[in-house]
Amino acid sequence: MNEKQIISYNEIQQRLNWTLLQKIDHSLGTIESFLNQFPNSVISFSGGIDSVVMLFLVRMIDKNRKGVFVNTTNEFSEIINFVKCVENIEIIQPEINFIQVVEKYGFPLISKQQARIINTLKYPTEKNEKTRIHFLRTDTYFKLSKKYEHLIYAPFDISDKCCYYLKKKPFNQLNKQGALVGIKATDSQLRTISYQKFGCINVGKKQALPLSIWTKDDIWNFIKQNSIPYCNIYDKGEKSTGCAYCGFGCSFDTTRFARLKEREPKRYKIMMSIKNNGITYAHAIKLALNINIESYIHPLFLTSYQEKLIRK
């Protein structure tokens, strides 16, 4: 990496191996320091177990600190019901809903990173030429997996725009005054990289990540030790909350939508009928995991894309 790191990979591993008491002490110190820098900051509360623990820790220092929940219009019903039962949580809404984002920009499939790459390569412009070249390199982490190359030619769009419009954009309003966010450095490689660059406090973004060095076992142990209420969706088979209709990671968790169908059959039916370019979500999911594209791609569409791709 060319960008400067303040925390090395070895230091992250050392911190991940700290005892739970050490991590609690570290998190409380992070929270206290951040509140001193940004006294009007709020708690970003998703209703998941990570944010439940963070809410508990923050309110150990300031019991009246407000939490804010962004209702993406794509939440599990259990999460909505749980959030409504937590004290001092403000619920805010995005400007547009999930169906509108999908219709305009595409389905959230595979992963955020792969979705962005697919969309960029599918719609080449002069402005994104350098980005496309970077994505096509074989020596970088930010590259398109070969097994998803067929999605560049698919008759529907895939993008990561739903995360921006339903989460990041409304969340950015919170960051103006400062926000404490319950995410872990080990959640993804991108979050690990961010932690190496900024640690638990990103002053530029006015954001604190007090749980960065916690593990999922730490989270559950802390919840059990302190008898902290949590959303019952975890007792119904979900390992994480996220968004109900999100297809990121669907290639790894193939039963995700089946669980939604069992719990909420009407919502499942609505979800699978959402369309982009005339293609339903149900069909897109099936095609996204099928490498034989000739069966559903019109030759004229493929030729048109190839011409655009090589055109400067």
Protein backbone atom coordinates (compact mmCIF):
# COMPACT_ATOMS: atom_id res chain seq x y z
CA MET A 1 0.00 0.00 0.00
CA ASN A 2 1.17 3.50 -0.86
CA GLU A 3 -1.01 5.26 1.70
CA LYS A 4 0.43 5.85 5.13
CA GLN A 5 -0.64 3.48 7.90
CA ILE A 6 -0.71 4.42 11.55
CA ILE A 7 -1.46 0.84 12.59
CA SER A 8 0.32 -2.18 11.14
CA TYR A 9 -1.26 -5.54 10.37
CA ASN A 10 0.69 -7.12 13.25
CA GLU A 11 -0.61 -4.48 15.65
CA ILE A 12 -4.17 -5.28 14.59
CA GLN A 13 -3.60 -8.96 15.32
CA GLN A 14 -2.17 -8.12 18.73
CA ARG A 15 -5.18 -5.97 19.58
CA LEU A 16 -7.62 -8.60 18.39
CA ASN A 17 -6.01 -10.94 20.93
CA TRP A 18 -6.52 -8.57 23.84
CA THR A 19 -8.83 -9.76 26.61
CA LEU A 20 -12.40 -8.52 26.60
CA LEU A 21 -11.65 -6.28 29.60
CA GLN A 22 -8.78 -4.67 27.69
CA LYS A 23 -11.05 -4.06 24.72
CA ILE A 24 -13.78 -2.57 26.90
CA ASP A 25 -11.28 -0.20 28.48
CA HIS A 26 -9.92 0.75 25.04
CA SER A 27 -13.44 1.37 23.67
CA LEU A 28 -14.48 3.50 26.63
CA GLY A 29 -11.32 5.57 26.24
CA THR A 30 -12.08 6.03 22.53
CA ILE A 31 -15.66 7.09 23.27
CA GLU A 32 -14.66 9.55 25.97
CA SER A 33 -11.98 11.11 23.75
CA PHE A 34 -14.40 11.43 20.83
CA LEU A 35 -17.15 13.00 22.94
CA ASN A 36 -14.67 15.57 24.19
CA GLN A 37 -13.78 16.46 20.58
CA PHE A 38 -17.35 16.33 19.27
CA PRO A 39 -19.70 17.05 22.18
CA ASN A 40 -22.83 17.11 19.98
CA SER A 41 -22.15 13.77 18.29
CA VAL A 42 -24.80 11.06 18.09
CA ILE A 43 -24.83 7.27 18.12
CA SER A 44 -25.46 5.57 14.79
CA PHE A 45 -27.83 2.77 15.78
CA SER A 46 -28.69 0.00 13.31
CA GLY A 47 -30.46 -2.34 15.73
CA GLY A 48 -27.83 -5.05 15.20
CA ILE A 49 -25.75 -6.57 17.98
CA ASP A 50 -22.68 -4.43 17.28
CA SER A 51 -24.62 -1.20 17.60
CA VAL A 52 -26.42 -2.57 20.67
CA VAL A 53 -23.08 -3.06 22.42
CA MET A 54 -21.81 0.34 21.32
CA LEU A 55 -24.99 2.03 22.53
CA PHE A 56 -24.49 0.35 25.91
CA LEU A 57 -20.86 1.46 26.13
CA VAL A 58 -21.55 5.05 25.10
CA ARG A 59 -24.37 5.37 27.60
CA MET A 60 -22.07 4.11 30.35
CA ILE A 61 -20.33 7.47 29.85
CA ASP A 62 -23.32 9.58 28.80
CA LYS A 63 -26.66 7.97 29.58
CA ASN A 64 -28.59 10.64 27.66
CA ARG A 65 -26.63 10.43 24.39
CA LYS A 66 -29.09 10.23 21.49
CA GLY A 67 -29.08 7.38 18.99
CA VAL A 68 -30.15 7.74 15.35
CA PHE A 69 -31.59 4.93 13.23
CA VAL A 70 -31.67 5.25 9.44
CA ASN A 71 -34.69 3.35 8.16
CA THR A 72 -33.45 2.31 4.73
CA THR A 73 -37.01 1.15 3.76
CA ASN A 74 -35.33 -2.24 3.43
CA GLU A 75 -35.12 -3.34 7.05
CA PHE A 76 -36.20 -6.62 8.60
CA SER A 77 -39.51 -6.20 10.44
CA GLU A 78 -37.89 -7.56 13.59
CA ILE A 79 -35.29 -4.80 13.50
CA ILE A 80 -37.91 -2.07 13.11
CA ASN A 81 -39.90 -3.44 16.04
CA PHE A 82 -36.78 -3.72 18.19
CA VAL A 83 -35.55 -0.19 17.44
CA LYS A 84 -38.93 1.25 18.43
CA CYS A 85 -38.48 -0.29 21.89
CA VAL A 86 -35.07 1.32 22.55
CA GLU A 87 -35.12 4.61 24.42
CA ASN A 88 -33.96 7.89 22.92
CA ILE A 89 -33.59 6.70 19.32
CA GLU A 90 -34.52 9.08 16.51
CA ILE A 91 -35.67 7.40 13.27
CA ILE A 92 -34.82 9.16 10.00
CA GLN A 93 -35.74 8.30 6.42
CA PRO A 94 -33.77 8.49 3.13
CA GLU A 95 -35.06 10.67 0.30
CA ILE A 96 -35.89 7.67 -1.91
CA ASN A 97 -36.75 4.04 -1.20
CA PHE A 98 -35.15 0.74 -2.16
CA ILE A 99 -37.46 0.02 -5.10
CA GLN A 100 -36.75 3.43 -6.64
CA VAL A 101 -32.98 2.94 -6.29
CA VAL A 102 -33.11 -0.50 -7.92
CA GLU A 103 -35.28 0.70 -10.80
CA LYS A 104 -32.89 3.58 -11.55
CA TYR A 105 -29.44 2.17 -10.72
CA GLY A 106 -29.60 -1.61 -10.47
CA PHE A 107 -29.71 -4.56 -8.09
CA PRO A 108 -27.37 -4.91 -5.09
CA LEU A 109 -25.78 -8.25 -5.99
CA ILE A 110 -22.51 -10.12 -5.29
CA SER A 111 -20.71 -7.49 -3.15
CA LYS A 112 -20.40 -3.70 -2.89
CA GLN A 113 -16.97 -3.77 -4.45
CA GLN A 114 -17.83 -6.15 -7.28
CA ALA A 115 -21.10 -4.31 -7.98
CA ARG A 116 -19.27 -1.00 -8.35
CA ILE A 117 -16.67 -2.57 -10.66
CA ILE A 118 -19.32 -4.25 -12.82
CA ASN A 119 -21.29 -1.03 -13.17
CA THR A 120 -18.18 1.01 -14.04
CA LEU A 121 -17.04 -1.46 -16.69
CA LYS A 122 -20.53 -1.78 -18.14
CA TYR A 123 -20.86 1.96 -18.67
CA PRO A 124 -17.46 3.26 -19.82
CA THR A 125 -16.95 7.02 -20.11
CA GLU A 126 -13.99 9.30 -20.57
CA LYS A 127 -14.23 10.29 -16.91
CA ASN A 128 -14.00 6.73 -15.58
CA GLU A 129 -11.30 5.50 -17.99
CA LYS A 130 -8.52 5.48 -15.35
CA THR A 131 -10.81 3.71 -12.90
CA ARG A 132 -11.70 1.07 -15.49
CA ILE A 133 -8.03 0.46 -16.26
CA HIS A 134 -7.36 0.03 -12.53
CA PHE A 135 -10.26 -2.43 -12.19
CA LEU A 136 -8.99 -4.49 -15.12
CA ARG A 137 -5.51 -4.90 -13.69
CA THR A 138 -4.69 -8.33 -12.31
CA ASP A 139 -2.28 -7.13 -9.61
CA THR A 140 -4.76 -5.19 -7.49
CA TYR A 141 -7.31 -6.08 -4.83
CA PHE A 142 -9.88 -3.90 -6.60
CA LYS A 143 -10.50 -6.09 -9.61
CA LEU A 144 -13.41 -7.99 -11.08
CA SER A 145 -13.57 -11.67 -10.27
CA LYS A 146 -13.55 -13.79 -13.43
CA LYS A 147 -16.65 -15.69 -12.36
CA TYR A 148 -18.65 -12.45 -12.47
CA GLU A 149 -17.37 -11.10 -15.79
CA HIS A 150 -20.60 -12.22 -17.46
CA LEU A 151 -22.54 -9.64 -15.44
CA ILE A 152 -20.98 -6.83 -17.46
CA TYR A 153 -23.13 -8.04 -20.36
CA ALA A 154 -26.30 -8.84 -18.40
CA PRO A 155 -29.59 -7.23 -19.53
CA PHE A 156 -30.03 -5.67 -16.09
CA ASP A 157 -27.89 -3.36 -14.00
CA ILE A 158 -25.96 -4.11 -10.83
CA SER A 159 -24.63 -1.33 -8.61
CA ASP A 160 -23.73 -0.31 -5.07
CA LYS A 161 -25.89 2.83 -5.24
CA CYS A 162 -28.50 1.58 -2.78
CA CYS A 163 -25.94 1.75 0.04
CA TYR A 164 -25.18 5.35 -0.85
CA TYR A 165 -28.75 6.61 -1.17
CA LEU A 166 -30.33 4.57 1.60
CA LYS A 167 -27.51 4.64 4.18
CA LYS A 168 -24.53 6.85 3.43
CA LYS A 169 -26.34 9.95 2.22
CA PRO A 170 -28.72 10.25 5.20
CA PHE A 171 -25.89 9.15 7.51
CA ASN A 172 -23.67 11.95 6.20
CA GLN A 173 -26.08 14.37 7.85
CA LEU A 174 -25.15 12.80 11.19
CA ASN A 175 -21.45 13.19 10.52
CA LYS A 176 -21.80 16.97 10.45
CA GLN A 177 -22.00 16.87 14.22
CA GLY A 178 -20.05 13.65 14.71
CA ALA A 179 -21.15 10.02 14.89
CA LEU A 180 -20.17 6.92 16.85
CA VAL A 181 -20.49 3.84 14.66
CA GLY A 182 -20.49 0.20 15.77
CA ILE A 183 -18.45 -1.57 13.10
CA LYS A 184 -15.44 -3.88 13.41
CA ALA A 185 -12.16 -3.71 11.51
CA THR A 186 -12.50 -7.41 10.67
CA ASP A 187 -15.91 -6.97 8.99
CA SER A 188 -14.23 -6.54 5.60
CA GLN A 189 -10.86 -5.88 4.00
CA LEU A 190 -11.90 -2.29 3.26
CA ARG A 191 -12.64 -1.70 6.95
CA THR A 192 -9.32 -3.25 7.92
CA ILE A 193 -7.54 -0.87 5.54
CA SER A 194 -9.47 2.08 6.96
CA TYR A 195 -8.56 1.10 10.51
CA GLN A 196 -4.88 0.87 9.55
CA LYS A 197 -5.07 4.43 8.19
CA PHE A 198 -7.15 6.14 10.88
CA GLY A 199 -7.48 3.91 13.94
CA CYS A 200 -10.66 4.20 16.01
CA ILE A 201 -11.19 7.92 15.38
CA ASN A 202 -11.34 9.54 11.96
CA VAL A 203 -11.27 13.25 12.77
CA GLY A 204 -11.75 14.26 9.13
CA LYS A 205 -15.01 12.31 8.91
CA LYS A 206 -15.97 13.19 12.51
CA GLN A 207 -16.45 9.49 13.09
CA ALA A 208 -15.53 7.12 15.92
CA LEU A 209 -15.39 3.32 15.65
CA PRO A 210 -15.02 2.18 19.28
CA LEU A 211 -15.52 -1.52 18.46
CA SER A 212 -12.87 -1.74 15.74
CA ILE A 213 -10.78 -4.39 17.48
CA TRP A 214 -13.67 -6.45 18.83
CA THR A 215 -14.59 -9.86 17.42
CA LYS A 216 -18.05 -11.36 17.08
CA ASP A 217 -17.33 -13.59 20.07
CA ASP A 218 -16.45 -10.49 22.10
CA ILE A 219 -19.79 -8.93 21.14
CA TRP A 220 -21.84 -11.95 22.18
CA ASN A 221 -19.86 -12.48 25.39
CA PHE A 222 -20.40 -8.85 26.38
CA ILE A 223 -24.14 -9.10 25.65
CA LYS A 224 -24.47 -12.25 27.75
CA GLN A 225 -22.35 -10.93 30.63
CA ASN A 226 -24.43 -7.77 30.87
CA SER A 227 -27.83 -9.27 29.96
CA ILE A 228 -28.30 -6.72 27.19
CA PRO A 229 -31.54 -7.03 25.17
CA TYR A 230 -31.01 -7.65 21.46
CA CYS A 231 -33.19 -8.17 18.40
CA ASN A 232 -34.75 -11.64 18.21
CA ILE A 233 -33.90 -11.95 14.52
CA TYR A 234 -30.60 -13.52 15.59
CA ASP A 235 -32.58 -16.31 17.22
CA LYS A 236 -34.30 -16.95 13.88
CA GLY A 237 -31.18 -17.91 11.97
CA GLU A 238 -29.74 -14.52 10.92
CA LYS A 239 -26.05 -14.01 11.70
CA SER A 240 -26.19 -10.33 10.80
CA THR A 241 -28.97 -7.84 10.18
CA GLY A 242 -28.09 -5.67 7.19
CA CYS A 243 -30.92 -5.01 4.73
CA ALA A 244 -33.70 -7.50 4.11
CA TYR A 245 -33.47 -7.41 0.32
CA CYS A 246 -29.71 -6.99 0.02
CA GLY A 247 -28.05 -9.41 -2.39
CA PHE A 248 -24.48 -8.62 -1.36
CA GLY A 249 -22.95 -11.90 -0.26
CA CYS A 250 -25.81 -13.97 -1.70
CA SER A 251 -23.30 -16.25 -3.42
CA PHE A 252 -22.03 -17.29 0.02
CA ASP A 253 -25.26 -17.24 2.03
CA THR A 254 -27.58 -19.03 -0.38
CA THR A 255 -30.38 -19.49 2.19
CA ARG A 256 -30.74 -15.80 3.10
CA PHE A 257 -33.76 -15.14 0.93
CA ALA A 258 -35.28 -18.50 1.80
CA ARG A 259 -35.30 -17.45 5.45
CA LEU A 260 -37.02 -14.18 4.54
CA LYS A 261 -39.61 -16.12 2.51
CA GLU A 262 -40.36 -18.34 5.50
CA ARG A 263 -40.74 -15.44 7.94
CA GLU A 264 -42.36 -12.87 5.65
CA PRO A 265 -43.79 -14.50 2.50
CA LYS A 266 -45.65 -11.35 1.36
CA ARG A 267 -42.51 -9.19 1.56
CA TYR A 268 -40.51 -11.90 -0.20
CA LYS A 269 -43.01 -11.93 -3.08
CA ILE A 270 -42.79 -8.13 -3.39
CA MET A 271 -39.00 -8.25 -3.28
CA MET A 272 -38.67 -10.85 -6.03
CA SER A 273 -40.98 -8.88 -8.33
CA ILE A 274 -38.91 -5.64 -8.18
CA LYS A 275 -37.58 -4.86 -11.66
CA ASN A 276 -34.62 -3.21 -13.36
CA ASN A 277 -34.68 -2.91 -17.16
CA GLY A 278 -37.71 -5.20 -17.16
CA ILE A 279 -35.87 -8.01 -15.35
CA THR A 280 -37.21 -9.13 -11.96
CA TYR A 281 -35.02 -9.49 -8.90
CA ALA A 282 -35.76 -13.22 -8.86
CA HIS A 283 -34.50 -13.61 -12.43
CA ALA A 284 -31.48 -11.37 -11.81
CA ILE A 285 -30.39 -13.43 -8.81
CA LYS A 286 -30.58 -16.60 -10.87
CA LEU A 287 -28.68 -15.10 -13.79
CA ALA A 288 -26.08 -13.43 -11.57
CA LEU A 289 -24.88 -16.82 -10.43
CA ASN A 290 -24.97 -18.40 -13.90
CA ILE A 291 -21.78 -18.13 -15.99
CA ASN A 292 -23.46 -19.27 -19.23
CA ILE A 293 -24.56 -15.86 -20.50
CA GLU A 294 -25.22 -16.75 -24.15
CA SER A 295 -28.61 -18.15 -23.19
CA TYR A 296 -30.00 -14.79 -22.17
CA ILE A 297 -27.88 -12.03 -23.74
CA HIS A 298 -28.90 -10.64 -27.09
CA PRO A 299 -25.91 -10.58 -29.50
CA LEU A 300 -26.61 -6.94 -30.41
CA PHE A 301 -26.39 -5.95 -26.74
CA LEU A 302 -23.04 -7.71 -26.34
CA THR A 303 -21.64 -6.12 -29.51
CA SER A 304 -22.81 -2.68 -28.42
CA TYR A 305 -21.09 -3.04 -25.06
CA GLN A 306 -17.81 -4.23 -26.56
CA GLU A 307 -17.76 -1.25 -28.89
CA LYS A 308 -18.31 1.14 -25.96
CA LEU A 309 -15.64 -0.55 -23.88
CA ILE A 310 -12.87 -0.06 -26.42
CA ARG A 311 -14.01 3.43 -27.45
CA LYS A 312 -12.12 6.25 -25.72
